[in-house]
Structures are given as C-alpha cells and as structure tokens.
Amino acid sequence: MWVQPDPDELFQRYNPELQKKALSEREQRLKEYEEYMAMLREYSKSDKPIWVVAAEAEKAREAKAREEKKRMAAELEKQRLEILEEQKRAH
C-alpha cells in the first residue's frame, strides 16, 4: 500500500511564490485539461483505435495550419502589391 499526501498538504508545503504561480496558472491548466478530455471523448466515438484517430486528427491540424499559412502569405503578397501600386500612382 502506498501512502500519498493530500494535494492540499502538498500545496501548503510550496513556498509562497510557487503557490501564487500555481494559483495563477490553475485556470489555464483546467481549461487545457477540459479541452484534452473533450478531444479524447470525440476520438473515442470512432470505431478505430484512439491512437489512429489521434494521428489522423494531427495530420488534419497540420494540413489546416499549412493552408492558413499559405492564405496568410497570399494576403501579405496582395497587400504588398497594392502598396507598390499605390506608390507608383503617387509618383
């Protein structure tokens, strides 16, 4: 049998600076945990093993990120060309 200290006991043993940091980051950690659990629940709805679904989801996220990067690059290029065109008209 393992004896584990109560989480509140552990927290009380932290130095005050570490307690303050843990409290300030708590909301973010809880949010990330909830998002992670929601993602796992979504993955578990599939007939495929969860690691396969997770890998597919990661590939989809990467593809989406690449598309967003391309879209942003195209938008920046469009803005650059518009600025050059305005400069030509101004002279």
PDB file of N, CA and C in Angstrom:
ATOM      1  N   MET A   1       0.836  -1.170   0.000  1.00  0.00           N
ATOM      2  CA  MET A   1       0.000   0.000   0.000  1.00  0.00           C
ATOM      3  C   MET A   1       0.891   1.247   0.000  1.00  0.00           C
ATOM      4  N   TRP A   2       0.505   2.228  -0.834  1.00  0.00           N
ATOM      5  CA  TRP A   2       1.248   3.464  -0.935  1.00  0.00           C
ATOM      6  C   TRP A   2       0.541   4.556  -0.149  1.00  0.00           C
ATOM      7  N   VAL A   3       1.333   5.353   0.516  1.00  0.00           N
ATOM      8  CA  VAL A   3       0.781   6.492   1.250  1.00  0.00           C
ATOM      9  C   VAL A   3       1.079   7.736   0.427  1.00  0.00           C
ATOM     10  N   GLN A   4       0.022   8.440   0.082  1.00  0.00           N
ATOM     11  CA  GLN A   4       0.182   9.666  -0.690  1.00  0.00           C
ATOM     12  C   GLN A   4      -0.307  10.840   0.136  1.00  0.00           C
ATOM     13  N   PRO A   5       0.441  11.921   0.111  1.00  0.00           N
ATOM     14  CA  PRO A   5      -0.019  13.108   0.837  1.00  0.00           C
ATOM     15  C   PRO A   5      -1.233  13.724   0.143  1.00  0.00           C
ATOM     16  N   ASP A   6      -2.028  14.379   0.912  1.00  0.00           N
ATOM     17  CA  ASP A   6      -3.195  15.085   0.405  1.00  0.00           C
ATOM     18  C   ASP A   6      -2.711  16.235  -0.494  1.00  0.00           C
ATOM     19  N   PRO A   7      -3.357  16.475  -1.639  1.00  0.00           N
ATOM     20  CA  PRO A   7      -2.927  17.577  -2.516  1.00  0.00           C
ATOM     21  C   PRO A   7      -2.891  18.931  -1.801  1.00  0.00           C
ATOM     22  N   ASP A   8      -3.821  19.139  -0.882  1.00  0.00           N
ATOM     23  CA  ASP A   8      -3.813  20.400  -0.134  1.00  0.00           C
ATOM     24  C   ASP A   8      -2.587  20.491   0.777  1.00  0.00           C
ATOM     25  N   GLU A   9      -2.190  19.362   1.356  1.00  0.00           N
ATOM     26  CA  GLU A   9      -0.976  19.333   2.188  1.00  0.00           C
ATOM     27  C   GLU A   9       0.242  19.702   1.350  1.00  0.00           C
ATOM     28  N   LEU A  10       0.323  19.107   0.177  1.00  0.00           N
ATOM     29  CA  LEU A  10       1.451  19.413  -0.712  1.00  0.00           C
ATOM     30  C   LEU A  10       1.469  20.892  -1.071  1.00  0.00           C
ATOM     31  N   PHE A  11       0.311  21.418  -1.399  1.00  0.00           N
ATOM     32  CA  PHE A  11       0.217  22.820  -1.779  1.00  0.00           C
ATOM     33  C   PHE A  11       0.693  23.716  -0.642  1.00  0.00           C
ATOM     34  N   GLN A  12       0.337  23.384   0.574  1.00  0.00           N
ATOM     35  CA  GLN A  12       0.745  24.188   1.735  1.00  0.00           C
ATOM     36  C   GLN A  12       2.256  24.149   1.938  1.00  0.00           C
ATOM     37  N   ARG A  13       2.894  23.091   1.459  1.00  0.00           N
ATOM     38  CA  ARG A  13       4.353  22.981   1.601  1.00  0.00           C
ATOM     39  C   ARG A  13       5.108  23.799   0.556  1.00  0.00           C
ATOM     40  N   TYR A  14       4.428  24.207  -0.512  1.00  0.00           N
ATOM     41  CA  TYR A  14       5.067  25.043  -1.530  1.00  0.00           C
ATOM     42  C   TYR A  14       5.497  26.354  -0.898  1.00  0.00           C
ATOM     43  N   ASN A  15       6.557  26.946  -1.463  1.00  0.00           N
ATOM     44  CA  ASN A  15       6.905  28.279  -0.997  1.00  0.00           C
ATOM     45  C   ASN A  15       5.853  29.251  -1.528  1.00  0.00           C
ATOM     46  N   PRO A  16       5.678  30.387  -0.896  1.00  0.00           N
ATOM     47  CA  PRO A  16       4.602  31.319  -1.278  1.00  0.00           C
ATOM     48  C   PRO A  16       4.622  31.733  -2.749  1.00  0.00           C
ATOM     49  N   GLU A  17       5.808  31.891  -3.294  1.00  0.00           N
ATOM     50  CA  GLU A  17       5.906  32.284  -4.703  1.00  0.00           C
ATOM     51  C   GLU A  17       5.361  31.184  -5.610  1.00  0.00           C
ATOM     52  N   LEU A  18       5.692  29.946  -5.292  1.00  0.00           N
ATOM     53  CA  LEU A  18       5.217  28.811  -6.072  1.00  0.00           C
ATOM     54  C   LEU A  18       3.703  28.630  -5.908  1.00  0.00           C
ATOM     55  N   GLN A  19       3.185  28.878  -4.721  1.00  0.00           N
ATOM     56  CA  GLN A  19       1.733  28.815  -4.500  1.00  0.00           C
ATOM     57  C   GLN A  19       1.028  29.841  -5.382  1.00  0.00           C
ATOM     58  N   LYS A  20       1.572  31.043  -5.407  1.00  0.00           N
ATOM     59  CA  LYS A  20       0.974  32.121  -6.201  1.00  0.00           C
ATOM     60  C   LYS A  20       0.974  31.747  -7.686  1.00  0.00           C
ATOM     61  N   LYS A  21       2.098  31.194  -8.155  1.00  0.00           N
ATOM     62  CA  LYS A  21       2.206  30.786  -9.553  1.00  0.00           C
ATOM     63  C   LYS A  21       1.221  29.667  -9.868  1.00  0.00           C
ATOM     64  N   ALA A  22       1.121  28.683  -8.982  1.00  0.00           N
ATOM     65  CA  ALA A  22       0.200  27.563  -9.197  1.00  0.00           C
ATOM     66  C   ALA A  22      -1.240  28.048  -9.258  1.00  0.00           C
ATOM     67  N   LEU A  23      -1.590  28.977  -8.403  1.00  0.00           N
ATOM     68  CA  LEU A  23      -2.951  29.505  -8.408  1.00  0.00           C
ATOM     69  C   LEU A  23      -3.245  30.308  -9.673  1.00  0.00           C
ATOM     70  N   SER A  24      -2.258  31.087 -10.117  1.00  0.00           N
ATOM     71  CA  SER A  24      -2.481  31.926 -11.296  1.00  0.00           C
ATOM     72  C   SER A  24      -2.593  31.081 -12.564  1.00  0.00           C
ATOM     73  N   GLU A  25      -1.939  29.937 -12.606  1.00  0.00           N
ATOM     74  CA  GLU A  25      -1.961  29.092 -13.799  1.00  0.00           C
ATOM     75  C   GLU A  25      -3.046  28.021 -13.739  1.00  0.00           C
ATOM     76  N   ARG A  26      -3.763  27.949 -12.650  1.00  0.00           N
ATOM     77  CA  ARG A  26      -4.756  26.891 -12.462  1.00  0.00           C
ATOM     78  C   ARG A  26      -5.858  26.927 -13.519  1.00  0.00           C
ATOM     79  N   GLU A  27      -6.398  28.100 -13.781  1.00  0.00           N
ATOM     80  CA  GLU A  27      -7.480  28.215 -14.765  1.00  0.00           C
ATOM     81  C   GLU A  27      -7.035  27.715 -16.134  1.00  0.00           C
ATOM     82  N   GLN A  28      -5.835  28.084 -16.539  1.00  0.00           N
ATOM     83  CA  GLN A  28      -5.315  27.661 -17.840  1.00  0.00           C
ATOM     84  C   GLN A  28      -5.149  26.145 -17.885  1.00  0.00           C
ATOM     85  N   ARG A  29      -4.591  25.569 -16.813  1.00  0.00           N
ATOM     86  CA  ARG A  29      -4.418  24.112 -16.771  1.00  0.00           C
ATOM     87  C   ARG A  29      -5.756  23.388 -16.819  1.00  0.00           C
ATOM     88  N   LEU A  30      -6.752  23.902 -16.085  1.00  0.00           N
ATOM     89  CA  LEU A  30      -8.081  23.283 -16.102  1.00  0.00           C
ATOM     90  C   LEU A  30      -8.709  23.369 -17.490  1.00  0.00           C
ATOM     91  N   LYS A  31      -8.540  24.497 -18.144  1.00  0.00           N
ATOM     92  CA  LYS A  31      -9.074  24.672 -19.489  1.00  0.00           C
ATOM     93  C   LYS A  31      -8.416  23.688 -20.455  1.00  0.00           C
ATOM     94  N   GLU A  32      -7.093  23.574 -20.386  1.00  0.00           N
ATOM     95  CA  GLU A  32      -6.371  22.647 -21.259  1.00  0.00           C
ATOM     96  C   GLU A  32      -6.800  21.209 -20.991  1.00  0.00           C
ATOM     97  N   TYR A  33      -7.002  20.866 -19.732  1.00  0.00           N
ATOM     98  CA  TYR A  33      -7.428  19.519 -19.378  1.00  0.00           C
ATOM     99  C   TYR A  33      -8.820  19.228 -19.939  1.00  0.00           C
ATOM    100  N   GLU A  34      -9.724  20.190 -19.817  1.00  0.00           N
ATOM    101  CA  GLU A  34     -11.083  20.012 -20.347  1.00  0.00           C
ATOM    102  C   GLU A  34     -11.057  19.853 -21.867  1.00  0.00           C
ATOM    103  N   GLU A  35     -10.226  20.642 -22.536  1.00  0.00           N
ATOM    104  CA  GLU A  35     -10.100  20.515 -23.988  1.00  0.00           C
ATOM    105  C   GLU A  35      -9.545  19.148 -24.369  1.00  0.00           C
ATOM    106  N   TYR A  36      -8.559  18.693 -23.614  1.00  0.00           N
ATOM    107  CA  TYR A  36      -7.953  17.381 -23.865  1.00  0.00           C
ATOM    108  C   TYR A  36      -8.978  16.274 -23.675  1.00  0.00           C
ATOM    109  N   MET A  37      -9.753  16.343 -22.602  1.00  0.00           N
ATOM    110  CA  MET A  37     -10.766  15.319 -22.341  1.00  0.00           C
ATOM    111  C   MET A  37     -11.853  15.346 -23.415  1.00  0.00           C
ATOM    112  N   ALA A  38     -12.242  16.533 -23.861  1.00  0.00           N
ATOM    113  CA  ALA A  38     -13.248  16.631 -24.921  1.00  0.00           C
ATOM    114  C   ALA A  38     -12.721  16.008 -26.209  1.00  0.00           C
ATOM    115  N   MET A  39     -11.444  16.240 -26.486  1.00  0.00           N
ATOM    116  CA  MET A  39     -10.823  15.661 -27.669  1.00  0.00           C
ATOM    117  C   MET A  39     -10.799  14.138 -27.565  1.00  0.00           C
ATOM    118  N   LEU A  40     -10.444  13.617 -26.400  1.00  0.00           N
ATOM    119  CA  LEU A  40     -10.428  12.165 -26.214  1.00  0.00           C
ATOM    120  C   LEU A  40     -11.824  11.572 -26.365  1.00  0.00           C
ATOM    121  N   ARG A  41     -12.827  12.255 -25.822  1.00  0.00           N
ATOM    122  CA  ARG A  41     -14.210  11.773 -25.969  1.00  0.00           C
ATOM    123  C   ARG A  41     -14.597  11.723 -27.444  1.00  0.00           C
ATOM    124  N   GLU A  42     -14.194  12.745 -28.182  1.00  0.00           N
ATOM    125  CA  GLU A  42     -14.504  12.791 -29.610  1.00  0.00           C
ATOM    126  C   GLU A  42     -13.792  11.655 -30.338  1.00  0.00           C
ATOM    127  N   TYR A  43     -12.527  11.432 -30.013  1.00  0.00           N
ATOM    128  CA  TYR A  43     -11.767  10.346 -30.636  1.00  0.00           C
ATOM    129  C   TYR A  43     -12.387   8.988 -30.309  1.00  0.00           C
ATOM    130  N   SER A  44     -12.893   8.824 -29.115  1.00  0.00           N
ATOM    131  CA  SER A  44     -13.414   7.523 -28.691  1.00  0.00           C
ATOM    132  C   SER A  44     -14.721   7.165 -29.401  1.00  0.00           C
ATOM    133  N   LYS A  45     -15.351   8.121 -30.063  1.00  0.00           N
ATOM    134  CA  LYS A  45     -16.586   7.839 -30.799  1.00  0.00           C
ATOM    135  C   LYS A  45     -16.325   7.036 -32.072  1.00  0.00           C
ATOM    136  N   SER A  46     -15.088   7.033 -32.516  1.00  0.00           N
ATOM    137  CA  SER A  46     -14.724   6.326 -33.740  1.00  0.00           C
ATOM    138  C   SER A  46     -14.580   4.828 -33.480  1.00  0.00           C
ATOM    139  N   ASP A  47     -14.725   4.042 -34.539  1.00  0.00           N
ATOM    140  CA  ASP A  47     -14.507   2.596 -34.441  1.00  0.00           C
ATOM    141  C   ASP A  47     -13.021   2.249 -34.471  1.00  0.00           C
ATOM    142  N   LYS A  48     -12.211   3.209 -34.880  1.00  0.00           N
ATOM    143  CA  LYS A  48     -10.768   2.992 -34.980  1.00  0.00           C
ATOM    144  C   LYS A  48     -10.126   3.127 -33.600  1.00  0.00           C
ATOM    145  N   PRO A  49      -8.922   2.544 -33.440  1.00  0.00           N
ATOM    146  CA  PRO A  49      -8.195   2.754 -32.177  1.00  0.00           C
ATOM    147  C   PRO A  49      -7.901   4.243 -31.984  1.00  0.00           C
ATOM    148  N   ILE A  50      -7.879   4.656 -30.736  1.00  0.00           N
ATOM    149  CA  ILE A  50      -7.748   6.082 -30.415  1.00  0.00           C
ATOM    150  C   ILE A  50      -6.440   6.669 -30.940  1.00  0.00           C
ATOM    151  N   TRP A  51      -5.360   5.889 -30.953  1.00  0.00           N
ATOM    152  CA  TRP A  51      -4.087   6.424 -31.429  1.00  0.00           C
ATOM    153  C   TRP A  51      -4.124   6.658 -32.933  1.00  0.00           C
ATOM    154  N   VAL A  52      -4.907   5.870 -33.665  1.00  0.00           N
ATOM    155  CA  VAL A  52      -5.049   6.078 -35.112  1.00  0.00           C
ATOM    156  C   VAL A  52      -5.857   7.352 -35.360  1.00  0.00           C
ATOM    157  N   VAL A  53      -6.942   7.500 -34.629  1.00  0.00           N
ATOM    158  CA  VAL A  53      -7.781   8.692 -34.778  1.00  0.00           C
ATOM    159  C   VAL A  53      -6.993   9.934 -34.388  1.00  0.00           C
ATOM    160  N   ALA A  54      -6.192   9.841 -33.329  1.00  0.00           N
ATOM    161  CA  ALA A  54      -5.382  10.990 -32.894  1.00  0.00           C
ATOM    162  C   ALA A  54      -4.361  11.359 -33.966  1.00  0.00           C
ATOM    163  N   ALA A  55      -3.738  10.362 -34.584  1.00  0.00           N
ATOM    164  CA  ALA A  55      -2.761  10.642 -35.639  1.00  0.00           C
ATOM    165  C   ALA A  55      -3.445  11.298 -36.838  1.00  0.00           C
ATOM    166  N   GLU A  56      -4.634  10.814 -37.196  1.00  0.00           N
ATOM    167  CA  GLU A  56      -5.377  11.411 -38.307  1.00  0.00           C
ATOM    168  C   GLU A  56      -5.753  12.862 -37.985  1.00  0.00           C
ATOM    169  N   ALA A  57      -6.171  13.097 -36.762  1.00  0.00           N
ATOM    170  CA  ALA A  57      -6.543  14.447 -36.351  1.00  0.00           C
ATOM    171  C   ALA A  57      -5.326  15.379 -36.388  1.00  0.00           C
ATOM    172  N   GLU A  58      -4.183  14.871 -35.975  1.00  0.00           N
ATOM    173  CA  GLU A  58      -2.958  15.674 -36.004  1.00  0.00           C
ATOM    174  C   GLU A  58      -2.586  16.027 -37.441  1.00  0.00           C
ATOM    175  N   LYS A  59      -2.714  15.059 -38.356  1.00  0.00           N
ATOM    176  CA  LYS A  59      -2.429  15.340 -39.769  1.00  0.00           C
ATOM    177  C   LYS A  59      -3.392  16.391 -40.306  1.00  0.00           C
ATOM    178  N   ALA A  60      -4.655  16.299 -39.916  1.00  0.00           N
ATOM    179  CA  ALA A  60      -5.645  17.282 -40.363  1.00  0.00           C
ATOM    180  C   ALA A  60      -5.313  18.665 -39.817  1.00  0.00           C
ATOM    181  N   ARG A  61      -4.888  18.735 -38.539  1.00  0.00           N
ATOM    182  CA  ARG A  61      -4.498  20.033 -37.952  1.00  0.00           C
ATOM    183  C   ARG A  61      -3.294  20.615 -38.686  1.00  0.00           C
ATOM    184  N   GLU A  62      -2.327  19.757 -39.005  1.00  0.00           N
ATOM    185  CA  GLU A  62      -1.139  20.230 -39.723  1.00  0.00           C
ATOM    186  C   GLU A  62      -1.504  20.737 -41.108  1.00  0.00           C
ATOM    187  N   ALA A  63      -2.396  20.021 -41.798  1.00  0.00           N
ATOM    188  CA  ALA A  63      -2.823  20.451 -43.128  1.00  0.00           C
ATOM    189  C   ALA A  63      -3.554  21.790 -43.039  1.00  0.00           C
ATOM    190  N   LYS A  64      -4.391  21.929 -42.034  1.00  0.00           N
ATOM    191  CA  LYS A  64      -5.122  23.182 -41.848  1.00  0.00           C
ATOM    192  C   LYS A  64      -4.152  24.327 -41.568  1.00  0.00           C
ATOM    193  N   ALA A  65      -3.127  24.064 -40.763  1.00  0.00           N
ATOM    194  CA  ALA A  65      -2.128  25.085 -40.443  1.00  0.00           C
ATOM    195  C   ALA A  65      -1.358  25.487 -41.701  1.00  0.00           C
ATOM    196  N   ARG A  66      -1.024  24.496 -42.542  1.00  0.00           N
ATOM    197  CA  ARG A  66      -0.321  24.806 -43.800  1.00  0.00           C
ATOM    198  C   ARG A  66      -1.190  25.671 -44.703  1.00  0.00           C
ATOM    199  N   GLU A  67      -2.476  25.326 -44.797  1.00  0.00           N
ATOM    200  CA  GLU A  67      -3.389  26.113 -45.628  1.00  0.00           C
ATOM    201  C   GLU A  67      -3.523  27.540 -45.105  1.00  0.00           C
ATOM    202  N   GLU A  68      -3.606  27.674 -43.795  1.00  0.00           N
ATOM    203  CA  GLU A  68      -3.708  29.002 -43.189  1.00  0.00           C
ATOM    204  C   GLU A  68      -2.441  29.818 -43.470  1.00  0.00           C
ATOM    205  N   LYS A  69      -1.298  29.148 -43.393  1.00  0.00           N
ATOM    206  CA  LYS A  69      -0.029  29.825 -43.668  1.00  0.00           C
ATOM    207  C   LYS A  69       0.023  30.287 -45.123  1.00  0.00           C
ATOM    208  N   LYS A  70      -0.436  29.425 -46.038  1.00  0.00           N
ATOM    209  CA  LYS A  70      -0.474  29.807 -47.456  1.00  0.00           C
ATOM    210  C   LYS A  70      -1.415  30.981 -47.672  1.00  0.00           C
ATOM    211  N   ARG A  71      -2.585  30.949 -47.012  1.00  0.00           N
ATOM    212  CA  ARG A  71      -3.557  32.014 -47.154  1.00  0.00           C
ATOM    213  C   ARG A  71      -2.989  33.335 -46.652  1.00  0.00           C
ATOM    214  N   MET A  72      -2.295  33.280 -45.516  1.00  0.00           N
ATOM    215  CA  MET A  72      -1.691  34.490 -44.961  1.00  0.00           C
ATOM    216  C   MET A  72      -0.599  35.028 -45.891  1.00  0.00           C
ATOM    217  N   ALA A  73       0.206  34.127 -46.447  1.00  0.00           N
ATOM    218  CA  ALA A  73       1.263  34.556 -47.363  1.00  0.00           C
ATOM    219  C   ALA A  73       0.658  35.212 -48.599  1.00  0.00           C
ATOM    220  N   ALA A  74      -0.414  34.642 -49.117  1.00  0.00           N
ATOM    221  CA  ALA A  74      -1.076  35.225 -50.287  1.00  0.00           C
ATOM    222  C   ALA A  74      -1.654  36.593 -49.948  1.00  0.00           C
ATOM    223  N   GLU A  75      -2.240  36.721 -48.768  1.00  0.00           N
ATOM    224  CA  GLU A  75      -2.805  38.001 -48.332  1.00  0.00           C
ATOM    225  C   GLU A  75      -1.706  39.058 -48.194  1.00  0.00           C
ATOM    226  N   LEU A  76      -0.577  38.665 -47.607  1.00  0.00           N
ATOM    227  CA  LEU A  76       0.541  39.603 -47.461  1.00  0.00           C
ATOM    228  C   LEU A  76       1.089  40.028 -48.822  1.00  0.00           C
ATOM    229  N   GLU A  77       1.178  39.077 -49.731  1.00  0.00           N
ATOM    230  CA  GLU A  77       1.659  39.399 -51.075  1.00  0.00           C
ATOM    231  C   GLU A  77       0.693  40.351 -51.768  1.00  0.00           C
ATOM    232  N   LYS A  78      -0.588  40.120 -51.602  1.00  0.00           N
ATOM    233  CA  LYS A  78      -1.604  41.006 -52.189  1.00  0.00           C
ATOM    234  C   LYS A  78      -1.465  42.415 -51.625  1.00  0.00           C
ATOM    235  N   GLN A  79      -1.284  42.529 -50.321  1.00  0.00           N
ATOM    236  CA  GLN A  79      -1.113  43.840 -49.692  1.00  0.00           C
ATOM    237  C   GLN A  79       0.156  44.523 -50.191  1.00  0.00           C
ATOM    238  N   ARG A  80       1.218  43.736 -50.327  1.00  0.00           N
ATOM    239  CA  ARG A  80       2.479  44.296 -50.813  1.00  0.00           C
ATOM    240  C   ARG A  80       2.318  44.859 -52.223  1.00  0.00           C
ATOM    241  N   LEU A  81       1.632  44.097 -53.078  1.00  0.00           N
ATOM    242  CA  LEU A  81       1.418  44.556 -54.447  1.00  0.00           C
ATOM    243  C   LEU A  81       0.536  45.806 -54.485  1.00  0.00           C
ATOM    244  N   GLU A  82      -0.462  45.871 -53.624  1.00  0.00           N
ATOM    245  CA  GLU A  82      -1.321  47.057 -53.558  1.00  0.00           C
ATOM    246  C   GLU A  82      -0.521  48.284 -53.127  1.00  0.00           C
ATOM    247  N   ILE A  83       0.365  48.102 -52.162  1.00  0.00           N
ATOM    248  CA  ILE A  83       1.196  49.212 -51.690  1.00  0.00           C
ATOM    249  C   ILE A  83       2.127  49.683 -52.806  1.00  0.00           C
ATOM    250  N   LEU A  84       2.733  48.727 -53.517  1.00  0.00           N
ATOM    251  CA  LEU A  84       3.611  49.103 -54.644  1.00  0.00           C
ATOM    252  C   LEU A  84       2.834  49.852 -55.713  1.00  0.00           C
ATOM    253  N   GLU A  85       1.620  49.385 -56.002  1.00  0.00           N
ATOM    254  CA  GLU A  85       0.783  50.047 -56.993  1.00  0.00           C
ATOM    255  C   GLU A  85       0.440  51.469 -56.564  1.00  0.00           C
ATOM    256  N   GLU A  86       0.126  51.665 -55.298  1.00  0.00           N
ATOM    257  CA  GLU A  86      -0.177  52.999 -54.778  1.00  0.00           C
ATOM    258  C   GLU A  86       1.038  53.914 -54.887  1.00  0.00           C
ATOM    259  N   GLN A  87       2.211  53.351 -54.592  1.00  0.00           N
ATOM    260  CA  GLN A  87       3.442  54.143 -54.677  1.00  0.00           C
ATOM    261  C   GLN A  87       3.712  54.567 -56.110  1.00  0.00           C
ATOM    262  N   LYS A  88       3.450  53.674 -57.051  1.00  0.00           N
ATOM    263  CA  LYS A  88       3.660  54.017 -58.468  1.00  0.00           C
ATOM    264  C   LYS A  88       2.718  55.130 -58.904  1.00  0.00           C
ATOM    265  N   ARG A  89       1.462  55.066 -58.456  1.00  0.00           N
ATOM    266  CA  ARG A  89       0.489  56.097 -58.815  1.00  0.00           C
ATOM    267  C   ARG A  89       0.823  57.433 -58.168  1.00  0.00           C
ATOM    268  N   ALA A  90       1.430  57.407 -57.000  1.00  0.00           N
ATOM    269  CA  ALA A  90       1.747  58.638 -56.277  1.00  0.00           C
ATOM    270  C   ALA A  90       2.891  59.403 -56.953  1.00  0.00           C
ATOM    271  N   HIS A  91       3.747  58.682 -57.645  1.00  0.00           N
ATOM    272  CA  HIS A  91       4.892  59.368 -58.275  1.00  0.00           C
ATOM    273  C   HIS A  91       4.560  59.838 -59.612  1.00  0.00           C
TER     274      HIS A  91
END
